[in-house]
Amino acid sequence: MQVVLLLVVGAAAGFLATRMMKMQTDIPTTIAIGVGGAIVGALVIRGLAELAGWMAGFVGAVLGALVLLWIWKTYFARR
C-alpha cells in the first residue's frame, strides 16, 4: 500500500514540478522525478529539523532572557 501511495504522491509532485518548470516529460519520468524529489526533500527536511531543533532552543533561550530583562528593567530596576 505504501508503494502505491508513494507512486501517487510522486506522480502528483512530479506533475506539479514539471509544470512549474515548464517541462514536458512522459509519465514514468514524471513519476521518477516526483519520487526522487520526495526522497531528497525528506532528507533535507530531516536535516533542517535537526538544525531547527537546536536553533529553536537557542532562540527560545534568548527570547526568555529578553523577557526577564524587560520585567527586571520595568518593575525592579531602581530609577
Protein backbone atom coordinates (compact mmCIF):
# COMPACT_ATOMS: atom_id res chain seq x y z
CA MET A 1 0.00 0.00 0.00
CA GLN A 2 2.84 2.41 0.80
CA VAL A 3 4.39 1.79 -2.62
CA VAL A 4 1.12 2.76 -4.31
CA LEU A 5 0.88 5.88 -2.14
CA LEU A 6 4.49 6.77 -2.96
CA LEU A 7 3.77 6.41 -6.67
CA VAL A 8 0.58 8.52 -6.48
CA VAL A 9 2.25 11.25 -4.43
CA GLY A 10 5.34 11.05 -6.65
CA ALA A 11 3.22 11.39 -9.77
CA ALA A 12 1.40 14.42 -8.36
CA ALA A 13 4.61 16.06 -7.14
CA GLY A 14 6.41 15.30 -10.40
CA PHE A 15 3.48 16.67 -12.41
CA LEU A 16 3.44 19.91 -10.42
CA ALA A 17 7.23 20.27 -10.55
CA THR A 18 7.47 19.67 -14.29
CA ARG A 19 4.64 22.13 -14.97
CA MET A 20 6.20 24.78 -12.72
CA MET A 21 9.50 24.37 -14.58
CA LYS A 22 7.62 24.33 -17.93
CA MET A 23 8.96 20.90 -18.92
CA GLN A 24 7.15 18.23 -20.92
CA THR A 25 8.03 14.71 -19.75
CA ASP A 26 6.45 11.30 -20.12
CA ILE A 27 4.60 9.62 -17.23
CA PRO A 28 7.43 7.34 -15.98
CA THR A 29 9.88 10.26 -15.97
CA THR A 30 7.36 12.46 -14.17
CA ILE A 31 6.82 9.78 -11.50
CA ALA A 32 10.58 9.23 -11.14
CA ILE A 33 11.15 12.96 -10.72
CA GLY A 34 8.42 13.14 -8.07
CA VAL A 35 9.65 10.09 -6.12
CA GLY A 36 13.26 11.28 -6.31
CA GLY A 37 12.19 14.73 -5.19
CA ALA A 38 10.29 13.21 -2.25
CA ILE A 39 13.39 11.32 -1.13
CA VAL A 40 15.67 14.35 -1.45
CA GLY A 41 13.06 16.58 0.18
CA ALA A 42 12.65 14.19 3.11
CA LEU A 43 16.41 14.13 3.71
CA VAL A 44 16.65 17.92 3.53
CA ILE A 45 13.66 18.41 5.84
CA ARG A 46 15.06 15.90 8.33
CA GLY A 47 18.39 17.76 8.38
CA LEU A 48 16.69 21.12 8.75
CA ALA A 49 14.50 19.77 11.56
CA GLU A 50 17.62 18.69 13.46
CA LEU A 51 19.17 22.11 12.97
CA ALA A 52 15.89 23.87 13.72
CA GLY A 53 15.54 21.91 16.96
CA TRP A 54 18.88 23.20 18.22
CA MET A 55 18.26 26.68 16.84
CA ALA A 56 14.74 26.81 18.29
CA GLY A 57 16.16 26.07 21.73
CA PHE A 58 18.69 28.86 21.33
CA VAL A 59 16.11 31.35 20.06
CA GLY A 60 13.79 30.37 22.90
CA ALA A 61 16.56 30.94 25.42
CA VAL A 62 17.35 34.38 24.00
CA LEU A 63 13.67 35.37 23.94
CA GLY A 64 13.23 34.15 27.51
CA ALA A 65 16.24 36.17 28.63
CA LEU A 66 14.87 39.26 26.87
CA VAL A 67 11.52 38.89 28.64
CA LEU A 68 13.23 38.52 32.01
CA LEU A 69 15.39 41.58 31.35
CA TRP A 70 12.33 43.58 30.34
CA ILE A 71 10.49 42.55 33.53
CA TRP A 72 13.53 43.36 35.67
CA LYS A 73 14.06 46.72 33.95
CA THR A 74 10.36 47.64 34.09
CA TYR A 75 9.50 46.59 37.65
CA PHE A 76 12.64 46.09 39.70
CA ALA A 77 15.35 48.45 38.46
CA ARG A 78 15.99 51.48 40.62
CA ARG A 79 15.04 54.66 38.96
